[in-house]
Amino acid sequence: MATVTVTTAALEQMDELPSGILARVEKLLKRLRKWPAVSGAKPLRGRLAGRYRLRTGDYRVQFFVQGKEVIVERVGHRDGFYED
């Protein structure tokens, strides 16, 4: 079992989600507690190497792992999600 930590920035992004999407994202966060036995987690490449993403419809949850802690750092719509 892993501990899931959501950053302040990700919490603010979650506050802006429609309620239906928020419920789906919260289910993903519960699934992350079972890391590394989480299906659908895709490792990212390039400048985001070392991070992973889960998707629910058109929305993404970006996270990385430190030991037994899963840190969610970004939540949002796929349009421009990987751009800064």
PDB file of N, CA and C in Angstrom:
ATOM      1  N   MET A   1       0.840  -1.196   0.000  1.00  0.00           N
ATOM      2  CA  MET A   1       0.000   0.000   0.000  1.00  0.00           C
ATOM      3  C   MET A   1       0.879   1.251   0.000  1.00  0.00           C
ATOM      4  N   ALA A   2       0.487   2.205  -0.799  1.00  0.00           N
ATOM      5  CA  ALA A   2       1.225   3.458  -0.892  1.00  0.00           C
ATOM      6  C   ALA A   2       0.413   4.586  -0.255  1.00  0.00           C
ATOM      7  N   THR A   3       1.112   5.612   0.154  1.00  0.00           N
ATOM      8  CA  THR A   3       0.475   6.825   0.636  1.00  0.00           C
ATOM      9  C   THR A   3       0.331   7.766  -0.549  1.00  0.00           C
ATOM     10  N   VAL A   4      -0.851   8.324  -0.745  1.00  0.00           N
ATOM     11  CA  VAL A   4      -1.088   9.249  -1.854  1.00  0.00           C
ATOM     12  C   VAL A   4      -1.123  10.670  -1.302  1.00  0.00           C
ATOM     13  N   THR A   5      -0.250  11.520  -1.830  1.00  0.00           N
ATOM     14  CA  THR A   5      -0.183  12.923  -1.450  1.00  0.00           C
ATOM     15  C   THR A   5      -0.555  13.758  -2.667  1.00  0.00           C
ATOM     16  N   VAL A   6      -1.430  14.722  -2.478  1.00  0.00           N
ATOM     17  CA  VAL A   6      -1.841  15.609  -3.566  1.00  0.00           C
ATOM     18  C   VAL A   6      -1.260  16.995  -3.277  1.00  0.00           C
ATOM     19  N   THR A   7      -0.510  17.536  -4.236  1.00  0.00           N
ATOM     20  CA  THR A   7       0.100  18.850  -4.038  1.00  0.00           C
ATOM     21  C   THR A   7      -0.964  19.941  -3.998  1.00  0.00           C
ATOM     22  N   THR A   8      -0.590  21.085  -3.474  1.00  0.00           N
ATOM     23  CA  THR A   8      -1.503  22.225  -3.407  1.00  0.00           C
ATOM     24  C   THR A   8      -1.978  22.622  -4.797  1.00  0.00           C
ATOM     25  N   ALA A   9      -1.064  22.624  -5.756  1.00  0.00           N
ATOM     26  CA  ALA A   9      -1.418  22.993  -7.129  1.00  0.00           C
ATOM     27  C   ALA A   9      -2.456  22.025  -7.692  1.00  0.00           C
ATOM     28  N   ALA A  10      -2.271  20.730  -7.446  1.00  0.00           N
ATOM     29  CA  ALA A  10      -3.221  19.729  -7.951  1.00  0.00           C
ATOM     30  C   ALA A  10      -4.575  19.883  -7.265  1.00  0.00           C
ATOM     31  N   LEU A  11      -4.581  20.201  -5.978  1.00  0.00           N
ATOM     32  CA  LEU A  11      -5.849  20.425  -5.272  1.00  0.00           C
ATOM     33  C   LEU A  11      -6.606  21.607  -5.873  1.00  0.00           C
ATOM     34  N   GLU A  12      -5.888  22.675  -6.204  1.00  0.00           N
ATOM     35  CA  GLU A  12      -6.514  23.843  -6.828  1.00  0.00           C
ATOM     36  C   GLU A  12      -7.080  23.476  -8.198  1.00  0.00           C
ATOM     37  N   GLN A  13      -6.351  22.655  -8.952  1.00  0.00           N
ATOM     38  CA  GLN A  13      -6.830  22.222 -10.259  1.00  0.00           C
ATOM     39  C   GLN A  13      -8.068  21.346 -10.112  1.00  0.00           C
ATOM     40  N   MET A  14      -8.108  20.521  -9.078  1.00  0.00           N
ATOM     41  CA  MET A  14      -9.263  19.662  -8.844  1.00  0.00           C
ATOM     42  C   MET A  14     -10.497  20.484  -8.481  1.00  0.00           C
ATOM     43  N   ASP A  15     -10.297  21.603  -7.781  1.00  0.00           N
ATOM     44  CA  ASP A  15     -11.419  22.476  -7.413  1.00  0.00           C
ATOM     45  C   ASP A  15     -12.131  23.030  -8.643  1.00  0.00           C
ATOM     46  N   GLU A  16     -11.431  23.136  -9.758  1.00  0.00           N
ATOM     47  CA  GLU A  16     -11.992  23.711 -10.973  1.00  0.00           C
ATOM     48  C   GLU A  16     -12.672  22.673 -11.876  1.00  0.00           C
ATOM     49  N   LEU A  17     -12.591  21.392 -11.513  1.00  0.00           N
ATOM     50  CA  LEU A  17     -13.169  20.337 -12.350  1.00  0.00           C
ATOM     51  C   LEU A  17     -14.680  20.266 -12.184  1.00  0.00           C
ATOM     52  N   PRO A  18     -15.387  19.871 -13.242  1.00  0.00           N
ATOM     53  CA  PRO A  18     -16.823  19.609 -13.115  1.00  0.00           C
ATOM     54  C   PRO A  18     -17.038  18.466 -12.112  1.00  0.00           C
ATOM     55  N   SER A  19     -18.157  18.471 -11.416  1.00  0.00           N
ATOM     56  CA  SER A  19     -18.381  17.505 -10.331  1.00  0.00           C
ATOM     57  C   SER A  19     -18.296  16.052 -10.793  1.00  0.00           C
ATOM     58  N   GLY A  20     -18.797  15.740 -11.978  1.00  0.00           N
ATOM     59  CA  GLY A  20     -18.731  14.373 -12.487  1.00  0.00           C
ATOM     60  C   GLY A  20     -17.297  13.914 -12.715  1.00  0.00           C
ATOM     61  N   ILE A  21     -16.487  14.804 -13.245  1.00  0.00           N
ATOM     62  CA  ILE A  21     -15.083  14.493 -13.495  1.00  0.00           C
ATOM     63  C   ILE A  21     -14.335  14.383 -12.168  1.00  0.00           C
ATOM     64  N   LEU A  22     -14.651  15.250 -11.232  1.00  0.00           N
ATOM     65  CA  LEU A  22     -14.009  15.220  -9.918  1.00  0.00           C
ATOM     66  C   LEU A  22     -14.223  13.862  -9.243  1.00  0.00           C
ATOM     67  N   ALA A  23     -15.418  13.329  -9.341  1.00  0.00           N
ATOM     68  CA  ALA A  23     -15.709  12.016  -8.748  1.00  0.00           C
ATOM     69  C   ALA A  23     -14.855  10.934  -9.405  1.00  0.00           C
ATOM     70  N   ARG A  24     -14.661  11.006 -10.712  1.00  0.00           N
ATOM     71  CA  ARG A  24     -13.833  10.027 -11.412  1.00  0.00           C
ATOM     72  C   ARG A  24     -12.366  10.161 -11.020  1.00  0.00           C
ATOM     73  N   VAL A  25     -11.900  11.406 -10.860  1.00  0.00           N
ATOM     74  CA  VAL A  25     -10.510  11.636 -10.448  1.00  0.00           C
ATOM     75  C   VAL A  25     -10.294  11.102  -9.030  1.00  0.00           C
ATOM     76  N   GLU A  26     -11.266  11.302  -8.149  1.00  0.00           N
ATOM     77  CA  GLU A  26     -11.142  10.796  -6.779  1.00  0.00           C
ATOM     78  C   GLU A  26     -11.044   9.274  -6.762  1.00  0.00           C
ATOM     79  N   LYS A  27     -11.741   8.597  -7.682  1.00  0.00           N
ATOM     80  CA  LYS A  27     -11.619   7.136  -7.791  1.00  0.00           C
ATOM     81  C   LYS A  27     -10.208   6.744  -8.221  1.00  0.00           C
ATOM     82  N   LEU A  28      -9.618   7.537  -9.135  1.00  0.00           N
ATOM     83  CA  LEU A  28      -8.242   7.262  -9.552  1.00  0.00           C
ATOM     84  C   LEU A  28      -7.287   7.412  -8.377  1.00  0.00           C
ATOM     85  N   LEU A  29      -7.509   8.423  -7.549  1.00  0.00           N
ATOM     86  CA  LEU A  29      -6.637   8.641  -6.399  1.00  0.00           C
ATOM     87  C   LEU A  29      -6.730   7.466  -5.423  1.00  0.00           C
ATOM     88  N   LYS A  30      -7.908   6.908  -5.257  1.00  0.00           N
ATOM     89  CA  LYS A  30      -8.062   5.726  -4.397  1.00  0.00           C
ATOM     90  C   LYS A  30      -7.322   4.532  -4.994  1.00  0.00           C
ATOM     91  N   ARG A  31      -7.382   4.384  -6.319  1.00  0.00           N
ATOM     92  CA  ARG A  31      -6.660   3.288  -6.981  1.00  0.00           C
ATOM     93  C   ARG A  31      -5.159   3.415  -6.790  1.00  0.00           C
ATOM     94  N   LEU A  32      -4.660   4.658  -6.730  1.00  0.00           N
ATOM     95  CA  LEU A  32      -3.217   4.872  -6.597  1.00  0.00           C
ATOM     96  C   LEU A  32      -2.669   4.343  -5.274  1.00  0.00           C
ATOM     97  N   ARG A  33      -3.521   4.153  -4.281  1.00  0.00           N
ATOM     98  CA  ARG A  33      -3.061   3.594  -2.997  1.00  0.00           C
ATOM     99  C   ARG A  33      -2.493   2.193  -3.167  1.00  0.00           C
ATOM    100  N   LYS A  34      -2.887   1.519  -4.241  1.00  0.00           N
ATOM    101  CA  LYS A  34      -2.429   0.149  -4.479  1.00  0.00           C
ATOM    102  C   LYS A  34      -1.155   0.098  -5.327  1.00  0.00           C
ATOM    103  N   TRP A  35      -0.487   1.221  -5.482  1.00  0.00           N
ATOM    104  CA  TRP A  35       0.737   1.284  -6.282  1.00  0.00           C
ATOM    105  C   TRP A  35       1.718   0.246  -5.768  1.00  0.00           C
ATOM    106  N   PRO A  36       2.378  -0.522  -6.620  1.00  0.00           N
ATOM    107  CA  PRO A  36       2.497  -0.443  -8.071  1.00  0.00           C
ATOM    108  C   PRO A  36       1.478  -1.280  -8.843  1.00  0.00           C
ATOM    109  N   ALA A  37       0.523  -1.878  -8.178  1.00  0.00           N
ATOM    110  CA  ALA A  37      -0.474  -2.724  -8.856  1.00  0.00           C
ATOM    111  C   ALA A  37      -1.638  -1.883  -9.375  1.00  0.00           C
ATOM    112  N   VAL A  38      -1.316  -0.861 -10.159  1.00  0.00           N
ATOM    113  CA  VAL A  38      -2.334   0.039 -10.710  1.00  0.00           C
ATOM    114  C   VAL A  38      -2.348  -0.123 -12.216  1.00  0.00           C
ATOM    115  N   SER A  39      -3.470  -0.560 -12.744  1.00  0.00           N
ATOM    116  CA  SER A  39      -3.561  -0.725 -14.190  1.00  0.00           C
ATOM    117  C   SER A  39      -3.811   0.627 -14.858  1.00  0.00           C
ATOM    118  N   GLY A  40      -3.294   0.785 -16.048  1.00  0.00           N
ATOM    119  CA  GLY A  40      -3.534   1.997 -16.817  1.00  0.00           C
ATOM    120  C   GLY A  40      -2.551   3.118 -16.579  1.00  0.00           C
ATOM    121  N   ALA A  41      -1.608   2.957 -15.654  1.00  0.00           N
ATOM    122  CA  ALA A  41      -0.614   4.009 -15.416  1.00  0.00           C
ATOM    123  C   ALA A  41       0.428   3.942 -16.527  1.00  0.00           C
ATOM    124  N   LYS A  42       0.634   5.064 -17.182  1.00  0.00           N
ATOM    125  CA  LYS A  42       1.569   5.096 -18.299  1.00  0.00           C
ATOM    126  C   LYS A  42       2.772   5.959 -17.923  1.00  0.00           C
ATOM    127  N   PRO A  43       3.989   5.418 -18.071  1.00  0.00           N
ATOM    128  CA  PRO A  43       5.172   6.239 -17.801  1.00  0.00           C
ATOM    129  C   PRO A  43       5.317   7.311 -18.881  1.00  0.00           C
ATOM    130  N   LEU A  44       5.684   8.500 -18.474  1.00  0.00           N
ATOM    131  CA  LEU A  44       5.868   9.597 -19.419  1.00  0.00           C
ATOM    132  C   LEU A  44       7.328   9.634 -19.869  1.00  0.00           C
ATOM    133  N   ARG A  45       7.565  10.307 -20.985  1.00  0.00           N
ATOM    134  CA  ARG A  45       8.906  10.352 -21.565  1.00  0.00           C
ATOM    135  C   ARG A  45       9.383  11.787 -21.697  1.00  0.00           C
ATOM    136  N   GLY A  46      10.613  11.923 -22.197  1.00  0.00           N
ATOM    137  CA  GLY A  46      11.182  13.238 -22.443  1.00  0.00           C
ATOM    138  C   GLY A  46      11.428  13.991 -21.156  1.00  0.00           C
ATOM    139  N   ARG A  47      11.056  15.259 -21.117  1.00  0.00           N
ATOM    140  CA  ARG A  47      11.292  16.083 -19.925  1.00  0.00           C
ATOM    141  C   ARG A  47      10.440  15.641 -18.739  1.00  0.00           C
ATOM    142  N   LEU A  48       9.432  14.820 -18.983  1.00  0.00           N
ATOM    143  CA  LEU A  48       8.575  14.311 -17.914  1.00  0.00           C
ATOM    144  C   LEU A  48       8.942  12.886 -17.501  1.00  0.00           C
ATOM    145  N   ALA A  49      10.103  12.416 -17.938  1.00  0.00           N
ATOM    146  CA  ALA A  49      10.550  11.066 -17.579  1.00  0.00           C
ATOM    147  C   ALA A  49      10.591  10.937 -16.061  1.00  0.00           C
ATOM    148  N   GLY A  50      10.177   9.778 -15.569  1.00  0.00           N
ATOM    149  CA  GLY A  50      10.122   9.552 -14.133  1.00  0.00           C
ATOM    150  C   GLY A  50       8.741   9.827 -13.551  1.00  0.00           C
ATOM    151  N   ARG A  51       7.862  10.370 -14.388  1.00  0.00           N
ATOM    152  CA  ARG A  51       6.487  10.636 -13.968  1.00  0.00           C
ATOM    153  C   ARG A  51       5.549   9.697 -14.713  1.00  0.00           C
ATOM    154  N   TYR A  52       4.334   9.589 -14.208  1.00  0.00           N
ATOM    155  CA  TYR A  52       3.319   8.722 -14.800  1.00  0.00           C
ATOM    156  C   TYR A  52       2.043   9.511 -14.981  1.00  0.00           C
ATOM    157  N   ARG A  53       1.133   8.928 -15.768  1.00  0.00           N
ATOM    158  CA  ARG A  53      -0.182   9.533 -15.896  1.00  0.00           C
ATOM    159  C   ARG A  53      -1.245   8.456 -15.899  1.00  0.00           C
ATOM    160  N   LEU A  54      -2.382   8.811 -15.341  1.00  0.00           N
ATOM    161  CA  LEU A  54      -3.596   8.010 -15.447  1.00  0.00           C
ATOM    162  C   LEU A  54      -4.600   8.867 -16.180  1.00  0.00           C
ATOM    163  N   ARG A  55      -5.472   8.243 -16.932  1.00  0.00           N
ATOM    164  CA  ARG A  55      -6.478   9.027 -17.644  1.00  0.00           C
ATOM    165  C   ARG A  55      -7.866   8.550 -17.279  1.00  0.00           C
ATOM    166  N   THR A  56      -8.785   9.492 -17.322  1.00  0.00           N
ATOM    167  CA  THR A  56     -10.204   9.187 -17.201  1.00  0.00           C
ATOM    168  C   THR A  56     -10.901  10.075 -18.222  1.00  0.00           C
ATOM    169  N   GLY A  57     -11.315   9.483 -19.312  1.00  0.00           N
ATOM    170  CA  GLY A  57     -11.903  10.266 -20.397  1.00  0.00           C
ATOM    171  C   GLY A  57     -10.872  11.228 -20.958  1.00  0.00           C
ATOM    172  N   ASP A  58     -11.224  12.502 -21.020  1.00  0.00           N
ATOM    173  CA  ASP A  58     -10.315  13.526 -21.545  1.00  0.00           C
ATOM    174  C   ASP A  58      -9.465  14.170 -20.463  1.00  0.00           C
ATOM    175  N   TYR A  59      -9.492  13.657 -19.260  1.00  0.00           N
ATOM    176  CA  TYR A  59      -8.759  14.245 -18.139  1.00  0.00           C
ATOM    177  C   TYR A  59      -7.598  13.359 -17.720  1.00  0.00           C
ATOM    178  N   ARG A  60      -6.554  13.992 -17.199  1.00  0.00           N
ATOM    179  CA  ARG A  60      -5.323  13.297 -16.835  1.00  0.00           C
ATOM    180  C   ARG A  60      -4.931  13.618 -15.399  1.00  0.00           C
ATOM    181  N   VAL A  61      -4.290  12.636 -14.755  1.00  0.00           N
ATOM    182  CA  VAL A  61      -3.704  12.811 -13.433  1.00  0.00           C
ATOM    183  C   VAL A  61      -2.229  12.471 -13.591  1.00  0.00           C
ATOM    184  N   GLN A  62      -1.348  13.435 -13.311  1.00  0.00           N
ATOM    185  CA  GLN A  62       0.093  13.229 -13.437  1.00  0.00           C
ATOM    186  C   GLN A  62       0.678  13.064 -12.042  1.00  0.00           C
ATOM    187  N   PHE A  63       1.543  12.060 -11.889  1.00  0.00           N
ATOM    188  CA  PHE A  63       2.123  11.794 -10.579  1.00  0.00           C
ATOM    189  C   PHE A  63       3.507  11.193 -10.711  1.00  0.00           C
ATOM    190  N   PHE A  64       4.238  11.180  -9.591  1.00  0.00           N
ATOM    191  CA  PHE A  64       5.513  10.483  -9.521  1.00  0.00           C
ATOM    192  C   PHE A  64       5.572   9.739  -8.209  1.00  0.00           C
ATOM    193  N   VAL A  65       6.541   8.838  -8.094  1.00  0.00           N
ATOM    194  CA  VAL A  65       6.627   7.951  -6.937  1.00  0.00           C
ATOM    195  C   VAL A  65       7.962   8.168  -6.239  1.00  0.00           C
ATOM    196  N   GLN A  66       7.908   8.328  -4.910  1.00  0.00           N
ATOM    197  CA  GLN A  66       9.109   8.400  -4.078  1.00  0.00           C
ATOM    198  C   GLN A  66       8.952   7.360  -2.975  1.00  0.00           C
ATOM    199  N   GLY A  67       9.658   6.263  -3.110  1.00  0.00           N
ATOM    200  CA  GLY A  67       9.546   5.187  -2.128  1.00  0.00           C
ATOM    201  C   GLY A  67       8.129   4.625  -2.121  1.00  0.00           C
ATOM    202  N   LYS A  68       7.450   4.720  -0.983  1.00  0.00           N
ATOM    203  CA  LYS A  68       6.070   4.224  -0.867  1.00  0.00           C
ATOM    204  C   LYS A  68       5.059   5.364  -0.928  1.00  0.00           C
ATOM    205  N   GLU A  69       5.488   6.512  -1.426  1.00  0.00           N
ATOM    206  CA  GLU A  69       4.593   7.665  -1.536  1.00  0.00           C
ATOM    207  C   GLU A  69       4.356   8.004  -2.999  1.00  0.00           C
ATOM    208  N   VAL A  70       3.083   8.145  -3.355  1.00  0.00           N
ATOM    209  CA  VAL A  70       2.685   8.572  -4.698  1.00  0.00           C
ATOM    210  C   VAL A  70       2.286  10.035  -4.580  1.00  0.00           C
ATOM    211  N   ILE A  71       2.951  10.899  -5.337  1.00  0.00           N
ATOM    212  CA  ILE A  71       2.705  12.337  -5.246  1.00  0.00           C
ATOM    213  C   ILE A  71       2.022  12.809  -6.526  1.00  0.00           C
ATOM    214  N   VAL A  72       0.779  13.242  -6.382  1.00  0.00           N
ATOM    215  CA  VAL A  72      -0.009  13.750  -7.505  1.00  0.00           C
ATOM    216  C   VAL A  72       0.322  15.225  -7.638  1.00  0.00           C
ATOM    217  N   GLU A  73       0.837  15.601  -8.810  1.00  0.00           N
ATOM    218  CA  GLU A  73       1.273  16.984  -8.973  1.00  0.00           C
ATOM    219  C   GLU A  73       0.454  17.784  -9.976  1.00  0.00           C
ATOM    220  N   ARG A  74      -0.399  17.095 -10.739  1.00  0.00           N
ATOM    221  CA  ARG A  74      -1.151  17.836 -11.747  1.00  0.00           C
ATOM    222  C   ARG A  74      -2.417  17.083 -12.125  1.00  0.00           C
ATOM    223  N   VAL A  75      -3.512  17.805 -12.320  1.00  0.00           N
ATOM    224  CA  VAL A  75      -4.787  17.226 -12.735  1.00  0.00           C
ATOM    225  C   VAL A  75      -5.410  18.189 -13.734  1.00  0.00           C
ATOM    226  N   GLY A  76      -5.876  17.680 -14.876  1.00  0.00           N
ATOM    227  CA  GLY A  76      -6.512  18.588 -15.820  1.00  0.00           C
ATOM    228  C   GLY A  76      -6.928  17.930 -17.115  1.00  0.00           C
ATOM    229  N   HIS A  77      -7.488  18.748 -17.984  1.00  0.00           N
ATOM    230  CA  HIS A  77      -7.942  18.313 -19.307  1.00  0.00           C
ATOM    231  C   HIS A  77      -6.732  18.037 -20.182  1.00  0.00           C
ATOM    232  N   ARG A  78      -6.874  17.094 -21.087  1.00  0.00           N
ATOM    233  CA  ARG A  78      -5.743  16.682 -21.922  1.00  0.00           C
ATOM    234  C   ARG A  78      -5.225  17.784 -22.844  1.00  0.00           C
ATOM    235  N   ASP A  79      -6.082  18.733 -23.232  1.00  0.00           N
ATOM    236  CA  ASP A  79      -5.648  19.820 -24.114  1.00  0.00           C
ATOM    237  C   ASP A  79      -4.574  20.660 -23.414  1.00  0.00           C
ATOM    238  N   GLY A  80      -3.358  20.589 -23.907  1.00  0.00           N
ATOM    239  CA  GLY A  80      -2.262  21.374 -23.337  1.00  0.00           C
ATOM    240  C   GLY A  80      -1.770  20.860 -22.004  1.00  0.00           C
ATOM    241  N   PHE A  81      -2.188  19.666 -21.605  1.00  0.00           N
ATOM    242  CA  PHE A  81      -1.837  19.150 -20.274  1.00  0.00           C
ATOM    243  C   PHE A  81      -0.327  18.986 -20.110  1.00  0.00           C
ATOM    244  N   TYR A  82       0.352  18.563 -21.138  1.00  0.00           N
ATOM    245  CA  TYR A  82       1.784  18.267 -21.026  1.00  0.00           C
ATOM    246  C   TYR A  82       2.659  19.460 -21.386  1.00  0.00           C
ATOM    247  N   GLU A  83       2.056  20.590 -21.661  1.00  0.00           N
ATOM    248  CA  GLU A  83       2.811  21.806 -22.002  1.00  0.00           C
ATOM    249  C   GLU A  83       2.887  22.712 -20.784  1.00  0.00           C
ATOM    250  N   ASP A  84       3.933  23.476 -20.684  1.00  0.00           N
ATOM    251  CA  ASP A  84       4.070  24.460 -19.581  1.00  0.00           C
ATOM    252  C   ASP A  84       4.024  25.859 -20.099  1.00  0.00           C
TER     253      ASP A  84
END
